[in-house]
Amino acid sequence: MSVWDKIKDALTTDDAEAAAEAQQEAEQAQAEADKAKVEAQARADEARRKADEAANKAGLPTATDEEKAQADQARQDAEAAAQKAQEDAAEADRKADERAQRALEKANARREKRQEERQEAREERQEERQEARAEAREAAHADEVYTVKSGDTLSEIGARYGVDYHVLARANDIDNPDLIFPGQKIRIPK
């Protein structure tokens, strides 16, 4: 993947997108937990209602011992159903919390990955800039080369490039500055 692709990916993927996904996951888990609570409460309420009916029936002067025992059993069943409903609601809450936590961890992991990718892209851009600067410095410090033509003098060449002819002679190991030849390469120092 090129640097620019990494930059594009880092910039087009938004932390808000990950947060929205995590929020949606948490809301869905909470909705399921709320539904489980409502269902559990409805079962408990129904069991209590039946227990109350049985208790009312058992409280009548004509109630038999068997009806009173059924009422007691209905009361116990209702309490057991209510306890089970509370346990189911607590379990639904725990599962919702776990799902929300997993969604949050997933979103955080994606955000951290994107931050790492952005940092890598920044580092690669910095390296490219440094390489470009180094190349530019090398090019700026590289000596230019001039090929002598018939009739040229070292002083004219030096004047053309803004360099003293003595400097040209030393830089090119020329013993006699008055003696140069056509085709000879003269290095022009910066």
Protein backbone atom coordinates (compact mmCIF):
# COMPACT_ATOMS: atom_id res chain seq x y z
CA MET A 1 0.00 0.00 0.00
CA SER A 2 1.46 3.35 -0.99
CA VAL A 3 1.84 6.27 1.37
CA TRP A 4 -0.96 8.15 -0.32
CA ASP A 5 -3.31 5.15 -0.08
CA LYS A 6 -2.54 4.90 3.63
CA ILE A 7 -3.20 8.61 4.07
CA LYS A 8 -6.45 8.34 2.14
CA ASP A 9 -7.58 5.36 4.21
CA ALA A 10 -6.62 7.10 7.44
CA LEU A 11 -8.49 10.25 6.49
CA THR A 12 -11.59 8.62 5.02
CA THR A 13 -12.19 6.30 7.98
CA ASP A 14 -13.62 8.30 10.81
CA ASP A 15 -13.53 7.66 14.55
CA ALA A 16 -17.18 8.69 14.62
CA GLU A 17 -18.00 5.70 12.43
CA ALA A 18 -16.46 3.29 14.95
CA ALA A 19 -18.16 5.06 17.83
CA ALA A 20 -21.52 4.90 16.04
CA GLU A 21 -21.11 1.16 15.48
CA ALA A 22 -20.22 0.61 19.13
CA GLN A 23 -23.19 2.73 20.22
CA GLN A 24 -25.52 0.79 17.93
CA GLU A 25 -24.24 -2.54 19.28
CA ALA A 26 -24.70 -1.35 22.87
CA GLU A 27 -28.22 -0.07 22.17
CA GLN A 28 -29.18 -3.36 20.55
CA ALA A 29 -27.85 -5.31 23.53
CA GLN A 30 -29.71 -3.02 25.94
CA ALA A 31 -32.95 -3.44 23.93
CA GLU A 32 -32.61 -7.23 24.15
CA ALA A 33 -31.96 -6.99 27.89
CA ASP A 34 -35.00 -4.74 28.36
CA LYS A 35 -37.17 -7.18 26.38
CA ALA A 36 -35.96 -10.09 28.54
CA LYS A 37 -36.74 -8.09 31.69
CA VAL A 38 -40.28 -7.27 30.49
CA GLU A 39 -40.93 -10.92 29.59
CA ALA A 40 -39.59 -12.13 32.94
CA GLN A 41 -41.68 -9.56 34.83
CA ALA A 42 -44.79 -10.59 32.87
CA ARG A 43 -44.21 -14.26 33.81
CA ALA A 44 -43.72 -13.30 37.46
CA ASP A 45 -46.85 -11.13 37.45
CA GLU A 46 -48.90 -13.97 35.91
CA ALA A 47 -47.60 -16.42 38.51
CA ARG A 48 -48.46 -14.00 41.31
CA ARG A 49 -51.93 -13.45 39.86
CA LYS A 50 -52.57 -17.19 39.79
CA ALA A 51 -51.24 -17.50 43.32
CA ASP A 52 -53.54 -14.70 44.50
CA GLU A 53 -56.53 -16.36 42.83
CA ALA A 54 -55.68 -19.65 44.47
CA ALA A 55 -55.16 -17.93 47.82
CA ASN A 56 -58.50 -16.13 47.52
CA LYS A 57 -60.21 -19.38 46.63
CA ALA A 58 -58.46 -21.14 49.51
CA GLY A 59 -59.53 -18.40 51.90
CA LEU A 60 -63.21 -19.11 51.36
CA PRO A 61 -64.96 -20.95 54.22
CA THR A 62 -65.83 -23.78 51.82
CA ALA A 63 -62.22 -24.33 50.70
CA THR A 64 -60.92 -27.83 51.17
CA ASP A 65 -57.50 -28.72 52.53
CA GLU A 66 -56.50 -29.69 49.01
CA GLU A 67 -57.45 -26.24 47.67
CA LYS A 68 -55.50 -24.61 50.51
CA ALA A 69 -52.47 -26.78 49.66
CA GLN A 70 -52.86 -25.80 45.99
CA ALA A 71 -52.94 -22.15 47.00
CA ASP A 72 -49.77 -22.56 49.06
CA GLN A 73 -48.12 -24.35 46.15
CA ALA A 74 -49.25 -21.58 43.76
CA ARG A 75 -47.73 -18.99 46.11
CA GLN A 76 -44.44 -20.89 46.19
CA ASP A 77 -44.49 -21.28 42.40
CA ALA A 78 -45.17 -17.56 42.02
CA GLU A 79 -42.24 -16.67 44.28
CA ALA A 80 -40.00 -19.09 42.37
CA ALA A 81 -41.14 -17.58 39.06
CA ALA A 82 -40.49 -14.06 40.38
CA GLN A 83 -37.01 -15.10 41.56
CA LYS A 84 -36.32 -16.70 38.16
CA ALA A 85 -37.54 -13.53 36.44
CA GLN A 86 -35.12 -11.43 38.51
CA GLU A 87 -32.27 -13.82 37.68
CA ASP A 88 -33.17 -13.71 33.97
CA ALA A 89 -33.24 -9.91 34.05
CA ALA A 90 -29.85 -9.80 35.80
CA GLU A 91 -28.41 -12.23 33.23
CA ALA A 92 -29.83 -10.14 30.37
CA ASP A 93 -28.21 -7.02 31.86
CA ARG A 94 -24.87 -8.81 32.21
CA LYS A 95 -24.99 -10.02 28.60
CA ALA A 96 -25.91 -6.54 27.39
CA ASP A 97 -22.98 -5.07 29.33
CA GLU A 98 -20.63 -7.69 27.87
CA ARG A 99 -21.78 -6.99 24.31
CA ALA A 100 -21.45 -3.26 24.84
CA GLN A 101 -17.94 -3.75 26.27
CA ARG A 102 -16.90 -5.94 23.31
CA ALA A 103 -18.26 -3.36 20.87
CA LEU A 104 -16.34 -0.63 22.67
CA GLU A 105 -13.13 -2.66 22.64
CA LYS A 106 -13.58 -3.36 18.94
CA ALA A 107 -14.11 0.33 18.20
CA ASN A 108 -11.07 1.27 20.30
CA ALA A 109 -8.91 -1.31 18.52
CA ARG A 110 -9.97 0.05 15.13
CA ARG A 111 -9.30 3.61 16.27
CA GLU A 112 -5.84 2.64 17.54
CA LYS A 113 -5.08 0.86 14.27
CA ARG A 114 -6.09 3.95 12.29
CA GLN A 115 -3.92 6.12 14.53
CA GLU A 116 -0.97 3.79 13.92
CA GLU A 117 -1.61 3.92 10.17
CA ARG A 118 -1.75 7.71 10.28
CA GLN A 119 1.50 7.82 12.25
CA GLU A 120 3.16 5.46 9.75
CA ALA A 121 1.94 7.64 6.89
CA ARG A 122 3.30 10.77 8.64
CA GLU A 123 6.65 9.07 9.17
CA GLU A 124 6.80 7.96 5.53
CA ARG A 125 5.96 11.49 4.35
CA GLN A 126 8.68 12.86 6.65
CA GLU A 127 11.20 10.37 5.24
CA GLU A 128 10.22 11.31 1.69
CA ARG A 129 10.65 15.01 2.50
CA GLN A 130 14.04 14.38 4.07
CA GLU A 131 15.15 12.37 1.03
CA ALA A 132 13.91 15.11 -1.29
CA ARG A 133 15.77 17.75 0.75
CA ALA A 134 18.95 15.68 0.70
CA GLU A 135 18.68 15.28 -3.08
CA ALA A 136 18.07 19.00 -3.47
CA ARG A 137 21.11 19.79 -1.28
CA GLU A 138 23.26 17.40 -3.30
CA ALA A 139 22.07 18.97 -6.53
CA ALA A 140 22.70 22.45 -5.14
CA HIS A 141 26.21 21.52 -4.04
CA ALA A 142 27.12 19.58 -7.15
CA ASP A 143 29.68 21.34 -9.24
CA GLU A 144 28.74 22.35 -12.74
CA VAL A 145 31.02 21.29 -15.59
CA TYR A 146 31.86 23.54 -18.54
CA THR A 147 33.43 22.29 -21.78
CA VAL A 148 36.02 24.71 -23.14
CA LYS A 149 35.40 26.07 -26.65
CA SER A 150 37.91 27.57 -29.02
CA GLY A 151 38.76 31.12 -27.96
CA ASP A 152 37.67 30.69 -24.31
CA THR A 153 39.87 31.91 -21.50
CA LEU A 154 39.78 30.85 -17.88
CA SER A 155 39.06 34.39 -16.76
CA GLU A 156 36.06 34.67 -19.17
CA ILE A 157 34.69 31.33 -17.95
CA GLY A 158 35.15 32.44 -14.33
CA ALA A 159 33.40 35.76 -15.04
CA ARG A 160 30.50 33.94 -16.71
CA TYR A 161 29.93 31.83 -13.57
CA GLY A 162 30.92 34.42 -10.98
CA VAL A 163 34.05 32.55 -9.87
CA ASP A 164 37.60 33.93 -9.77
CA TYR A 165 39.81 32.32 -12.41
CA HIS A 166 42.43 31.47 -9.73
CA VAL A 167 39.78 29.37 -7.93
CA LEU A 168 38.95 27.61 -11.21
CA ALA A 169 42.62 26.87 -11.82
CA ARG A 170 43.08 25.38 -8.31
CA ALA A 171 39.84 23.35 -8.47
CA ASN A 172 40.84 21.84 -11.83
CA ASP A 173 44.61 21.39 -11.15
CA ILE A 174 45.57 23.83 -13.91
CA ASP A 175 49.18 24.99 -13.44
CA ASN A 176 49.04 27.70 -16.11
CA PRO A 177 45.70 29.59 -16.14
CA ASP A 178 46.56 30.99 -19.57
CA LEU A 179 46.77 27.50 -21.08
CA ILE A 180 43.44 25.71 -21.61
CA PHE A 181 42.30 23.64 -24.59
CA PRO A 182 39.04 23.26 -26.54
CA GLY A 183 37.10 20.20 -25.30
CA GLN A 184 38.72 20.38 -21.86
CA LYS A 185 36.24 19.93 -18.98
CA ILE A 186 36.33 22.68 -16.35
CA ARG A 187 34.59 21.99 -13.05
CA ILE A 188 32.87 25.12 -11.73
CA PRO A 189 32.79 24.95 -7.88
CA LYS A 190 29.82 26.46 -6.06
